[in-house]
Amino acid sequence: MLEWVDVLLVGLLTSPREAGIYAVVTRCARASEVIHQAVRIAVGPQIAAAMATRARRQARGDLQPDDGGDDLAGLAVLPRPDRVR
């Protein structure tokens, strides 16, 4: 019940339609946070190992900005396809 309190409050302050939209958007945002966290867990140890061995250029080189425009998951960096082992 506590998970839906925000939706109920939005419904009380606005309309049921807007509360429904708010509910869908916030649940999608939570799903994208899970994906973002999974990527960080998968890539984090590789970056930490490169940083620990002072291979900062390798750490930077293994990552590239995601400029594909499909940044729904809020991912700032993704492994470069040619560097994935």
C-alpha atoms as a PDB file:
ATOM      1  CA  MET A   1       0.000   0.000   0.000  1.00  0.00           C
ATOM      2  CA  LEU A   2       2.790   2.435   0.835  1.00  0.00           C
ATOM      3  CA  GLU A   3       4.253   1.924  -2.617  1.00  0.00           C
ATOM      4  CA  TRP A   4       1.145   3.492  -4.182  1.00  0.00           C
ATOM      5  CA  VAL A   5       0.694   6.441  -1.788  1.00  0.00           C
ATOM      6  CA  ASP A   6       2.325   8.835  -4.226  1.00  0.00           C
ATOM      7  CA  VAL A   7      -0.120   7.799  -6.965  1.00  0.00           C
ATOM      8  CA  LEU A   8      -3.047   8.261  -4.598  1.00  0.00           C
ATOM      9  CA  LEU A   9      -1.821  11.728  -3.665  1.00  0.00           C
ATOM     10  CA  VAL A  10      -1.433  12.696  -7.308  1.00  0.00           C
ATOM     11  CA  GLY A  11      -4.950  11.390  -7.911  1.00  0.00           C
ATOM     12  CA  LEU A  12      -6.302  13.489  -5.065  1.00  0.00           C
ATOM     13  CA  LEU A  13      -4.532  16.624  -6.251  1.00  0.00           C
ATOM     14  CA  THR A  14      -5.230  16.210  -9.964  1.00  0.00           C
ATOM     15  CA  SER A  15      -7.386  13.764 -11.912  1.00  0.00           C
ATOM     16  CA  PRO A  16      -7.488   9.959 -12.105  1.00  0.00           C
ATOM     17  CA  ARG A  17      -6.190  10.165 -15.690  1.00  0.00           C
ATOM     18  CA  GLU A  18      -3.130  12.145 -14.627  1.00  0.00           C
ATOM     19  CA  ALA A  19      -2.584   9.813 -11.686  1.00  0.00           C
ATOM     20  CA  GLY A  20      -2.573   6.878 -14.118  1.00  0.00           C
ATOM     21  CA  ILE A  21      -0.032   8.586 -16.336  1.00  0.00           C
ATOM     22  CA  TYR A  22       2.083   9.381 -13.303  1.00  0.00           C
ATOM     23  CA  ALA A  23       1.891   5.750 -12.159  1.00  0.00           C
ATOM     24  CA  VAL A  24       3.041   4.414 -15.540  1.00  0.00           C
ATOM     25  CA  VAL A  25       5.902   6.898 -15.810  1.00  0.00           C
ATOM     26  CA  THR A  26       7.190   6.283 -12.301  1.00  0.00           C
ATOM     27  CA  ARG A  27       7.057   2.507 -12.733  1.00  0.00           C
ATOM     28  CA  CYS A  28       8.952   2.756 -16.030  1.00  0.00           C
ATOM     29  CA  ALA A  29      11.537   4.946 -14.300  1.00  0.00           C
ATOM     30  CA  ARG A  30      11.971   2.314 -11.605  1.00  0.00           C
ATOM     31  CA  ALA A  31      12.443  -0.386 -14.232  1.00  0.00           C
ATOM     32  CA  SER A  32      15.106   1.699 -15.941  1.00  0.00           C
ATOM     33  CA  GLU A  33      16.873   2.150 -12.600  1.00  0.00           C
ATOM     34  CA  VAL A  34      17.094  -1.630 -12.272  1.00  0.00           C
ATOM     35  CA  ILE A  35      18.651  -1.878 -15.742  1.00  0.00           C
ATOM     36  CA  HIS A  36      21.071   0.949 -14.972  1.00  0.00           C
ATOM     37  CA  GLN A  37      22.116  -0.719 -11.720  1.00  0.00           C
ATOM     38  CA  ALA A  38      22.659  -4.048 -13.491  1.00  0.00           C
ATOM     39  CA  VAL A  39      24.943  -2.405 -16.037  1.00  0.00           C
ATOM     40  CA  ARG A  40      26.891  -0.685 -13.281  1.00  0.00           C
ATOM     41  CA  ILE A  41      27.303  -3.999 -11.447  1.00  0.00           C
ATOM     42  CA  ALA A  42      28.473  -5.720 -14.634  1.00  0.00           C
ATOM     43  CA  VAL A  43      30.911  -3.038 -15.802  1.00  0.00           C
ATOM     44  CA  GLY A  44      32.029  -1.649 -12.441  1.00  0.00           C
ATOM     45  CA  PRO A  45      34.575  -4.364 -11.574  1.00  0.00           C
ATOM     46  CA  GLN A  46      36.287  -3.976 -14.967  1.00  0.00           C
ATOM     47  CA  ILE A  47      36.617  -0.236 -14.469  1.00  0.00           C
ATOM     48  CA  ALA A  48      37.827  -0.687 -10.885  1.00  0.00           C
ATOM     49  CA  ALA A  49      40.458  -3.226 -11.981  1.00  0.00           C
ATOM     50  CA  ALA A  50      41.739  -0.917 -14.697  1.00  0.00           C
ATOM     51  CA  MET A  51      41.842   2.022 -12.278  1.00  0.00           C
ATOM     52  CA  ALA A  52      43.587  -0.073  -9.602  1.00  0.00           C
ATOM     53  CA  THR A  53      46.359  -1.025 -12.014  1.00  0.00           C
ATOM     54  CA  ARG A  54      46.654   2.593 -13.101  1.00  0.00           C
ATOM     55  CA  ALA A  55      45.458   1.665 -16.578  1.00  0.00           C
ATOM     56  CA  ARG A  56      43.231   4.716 -16.745  1.00  0.00           C
ATOM     57  CA  ARG A  57      43.551   5.006 -20.495  1.00  0.00           C
ATOM     58  CA  GLN A  58      42.321   1.445 -20.832  1.00  0.00           C
ATOM     59  CA  ALA A  59      39.438   2.210 -18.474  1.00  0.00           C
ATOM     60  CA  ARG A  60      38.487   5.217 -20.585  1.00  0.00           C
ATOM     61  CA  GLY A  61      39.120   3.363 -23.854  1.00  0.00           C
ATOM     62  CA  ASP A  62      36.867   0.464 -22.945  1.00  0.00           C
ATOM     63  CA  LEU A  63      33.951   2.833 -22.561  1.00  0.00           C
ATOM     64  CA  GLN A  64      32.248   5.095 -25.024  1.00  0.00           C
ATOM     65  CA  PRO A  65      29.418   7.565 -24.610  1.00  0.00           C
ATOM     66  CA  ASP A  66      26.013   6.294 -25.598  1.00  0.00           C
ATOM     67  CA  ASP A  67      24.957   8.855 -28.176  1.00  0.00           C
ATOM     68  CA  GLY A  68      22.480   6.645 -29.987  1.00  0.00           C
ATOM     69  CA  GLY A  69      19.548   8.667 -28.741  1.00  0.00           C
ATOM     70  CA  ASP A  70      17.865   5.649 -27.159  1.00  0.00           C
ATOM     71  CA  ASP A  71      18.920   6.487 -23.623  1.00  0.00           C
ATOM     72  CA  LEU A  72      15.710   5.289 -21.998  1.00  0.00           C
ATOM     73  CA  ALA A  73      17.553   3.466 -19.245  1.00  0.00           C
ATOM     74  CA  GLY A  74      19.600   6.507 -18.300  1.00  0.00           C
ATOM     75  CA  LEU A  75      22.862   4.841 -19.220  1.00  0.00           C
ATOM     76  CA  ALA A  76      25.716   7.289 -19.641  1.00  0.00           C
ATOM     77  CA  VAL A  77      28.346   4.809 -20.811  1.00  0.00           C
ATOM     78  CA  LEU A  78      28.273   1.403 -22.427  1.00  0.00           C
ATOM     79  CA  PRO A  79      31.081  -1.047 -23.200  1.00  0.00           C
ATOM     80  CA  ARG A  80      32.453  -0.630 -26.688  1.00  0.00           C
ATOM     81  CA  PRO A  81      31.432  -3.670 -28.783  1.00  0.00           C
ATOM     82  CA  ASP A  82      34.982  -4.278 -30.036  1.00  0.00           C
ATOM     83  CA  ARG A  83      36.324  -4.357 -26.453  1.00  0.00           C
ATOM     84  CA  VAL A  84      33.828  -6.750 -24.886  1.00  0.00           C
ATOM     85  CA  ARG A  85      35.533  -9.977 -23.938  1.00  0.00           C
END
